[in-house]
Amino acid sequence: RRGDWLRQRVARNGRNKAAVALANKNARILWALMYSGDRYRVA
């Protein structure tokens, strides 16, 4: 789950780096969706 992933990042790297990591992850997901033309499906 994304919440678990984010909690691990905050514990390991702090809030600011975790925020940047989450933004990067979201950007990669959005880029992949735009490139492929697929719809986002919540797992």
N, C-alpha and C. Protein backbone atom coordinates (compact mmCIF):
# COMPACT_ATOMS: atom_id res chain seq x y z
N ARG A 1 0.82 -1.20 0.00
CA ARG A 1 0.00 0.00 0.00
C ARG A 1 0.86 1.25 0.00
N ARG A 2 0.31 2.29 -0.60
CA ARG A 2 1.06 3.54 -0.69
C ARG A 2 1.30 4.14 0.69
N GLY A 3 0.32 4.03 1.59
CA GLY A 3 0.49 4.58 2.93
C GLY A 3 1.65 3.95 3.68
N ASP A 4 1.78 2.63 3.53
CA ASP A 4 2.89 1.92 4.16
C ASP A 4 4.22 2.37 3.56
N TRP A 5 4.23 2.51 2.24
CA TRP A 5 5.43 2.95 1.54
C TRP A 5 5.87 4.32 2.05
N LEU A 6 4.89 5.23 2.18
CA LEU A 6 5.20 6.59 2.61
C LEU A 6 5.69 6.61 4.05
N ARG A 7 5.06 5.85 4.93
CA ARG A 7 5.51 5.79 6.33
C ARG A 7 6.95 5.30 6.43
N GLN A 8 7.30 4.31 5.63
CA GLN A 8 8.67 3.80 5.63
C GLN A 8 9.65 4.87 5.18
N ARG A 9 9.28 5.63 4.16
CA ARG A 9 10.16 6.70 3.67
C ARG A 9 10.35 7.79 4.72
N VAL A 10 9.27 8.17 5.39
CA VAL A 10 9.36 9.21 6.42
C VAL A 10 10.27 8.73 7.54
N ALA A 11 10.11 7.48 7.97
CA ALA A 11 10.93 6.94 9.05
C ALA A 11 12.40 6.88 8.65
N ARG A 12 12.67 6.55 7.40
CA ARG A 12 14.04 6.38 6.94
C ARG A 12 14.71 7.69 6.56
N ASN A 13 13.96 8.61 5.90
CA ASN A 13 14.59 9.78 5.31
C ASN A 13 14.10 11.11 5.83
N GLY A 14 13.03 11.14 6.61
CA GLY A 14 12.48 12.40 7.06
C GLY A 14 11.35 12.86 6.15
N ARG A 15 10.60 13.85 6.63
CA ARG A 15 9.39 14.29 5.92
C ARG A 15 9.68 14.94 4.58
N ASN A 16 10.69 15.80 4.53
CA ASN A 16 10.95 16.53 3.28
C ASN A 16 11.38 15.60 2.15
N LYS A 17 12.31 14.70 2.43
CA LYS A 17 12.76 13.76 1.40
C LYS A 17 11.65 12.80 1.01
N ALA A 18 10.82 12.42 1.99
CA ALA A 18 9.69 11.55 1.68
C ALA A 18 8.70 12.26 0.77
N ALA A 19 8.49 13.55 0.98
CA ALA A 19 7.57 14.32 0.14
C ALA A 19 8.09 14.38 -1.29
N VAL A 20 9.39 14.58 -1.46
CA VAL A 20 9.98 14.61 -2.80
C VAL A 20 9.89 13.23 -3.45
N ALA A 21 10.12 12.18 -2.67
CA ALA A 21 10.03 10.82 -3.21
C ALA A 21 8.60 10.51 -3.66
N LEU A 22 7.61 10.95 -2.89
CA LEU A 22 6.22 10.72 -3.25
C LEU A 22 5.85 11.50 -4.51
N ALA A 23 6.31 12.74 -4.61
CA ALA A 23 6.05 13.53 -5.82
C ALA A 23 6.67 12.87 -7.04
N ASN A 24 7.88 12.35 -6.88
CA ASN A 24 8.56 11.66 -7.98
C ASN A 24 7.79 10.41 -8.39
N LYS A 25 7.34 9.65 -7.40
CA LYS A 25 6.58 8.43 -7.68
C LYS A 25 5.28 8.76 -8.42
N ASN A 26 4.57 9.78 -7.94
CA ASN A 26 3.32 10.18 -8.59
C ASN A 26 3.56 10.66 -10.02
N ALA A 27 4.63 11.42 -10.23
CA ALA A 27 4.95 11.91 -11.57
C ALA A 27 5.25 10.76 -12.52
N ARG A 28 5.97 9.75 -12.04
CA ARG A 28 6.28 8.59 -12.89
C ARG A 28 5.02 7.81 -13.24
N ILE A 29 4.12 7.67 -12.27
CA ILE A 29 2.86 6.96 -12.53
C ILE A 29 2.04 7.73 -13.56
N LEU A 30 1.91 9.05 -13.36
CA LEU A 30 1.13 9.87 -14.30
C LEU A 30 1.73 9.86 -15.70
N TRP A 31 3.05 9.95 -15.79
CA TRP A 31 3.70 9.92 -17.10
C TRP A 31 3.42 8.59 -17.79
N ALA A 32 3.53 7.50 -17.05
CA ALA A 32 3.29 6.18 -17.64
C ALA A 32 1.84 6.05 -18.12
N LEU A 33 0.90 6.60 -17.35
CA LEU A 33 -0.50 6.54 -17.76
C LEU A 33 -0.75 7.37 -19.01
N MET A 34 -0.17 8.55 -19.07
CA MET A 34 -0.34 9.40 -20.25
C MET A 34 0.30 8.76 -21.48
N TYR A 35 1.46 8.17 -21.30
CA TYR A 35 2.18 7.56 -22.41
C TYR A 35 1.44 6.34 -22.95
N SER A 36 0.89 5.52 -22.05
CA SER A 36 0.25 4.28 -22.47
C SER A 36 -1.21 4.48 -22.87
N GLY A 37 -1.85 5.54 -22.35
CA GLY A 37 -3.25 5.77 -22.64
C GLY A 37 -4.19 4.96 -21.77
N ASP A 38 -3.65 4.23 -20.80
CA ASP A 38 -4.48 3.43 -19.89
C ASP A 38 -5.19 4.32 -18.90
N ARG A 39 -6.20 3.76 -18.24
CA ARG A 39 -6.90 4.46 -17.17
C ARG A 39 -6.30 4.02 -15.84
N TYR A 40 -6.32 4.91 -14.86
CA TYR A 40 -5.82 4.60 -13.53
C TYR A 40 -6.81 3.70 -12.81
N ARG A 41 -6.33 2.59 -12.28
CA ARG A 41 -7.17 1.67 -11.52
C ARG A 41 -6.61 1.57 -10.11
N VAL A 42 -7.43 1.88 -9.13
CA VAL A 42 -7.01 1.78 -7.73
C VAL A 42 -6.88 0.31 -7.39
N ALA A 43 -5.75 -0.06 -6.82
CA ALA A 43 -5.52 -1.47 -6.48
C ALA A 43 -6.31 -1.90 -5.27
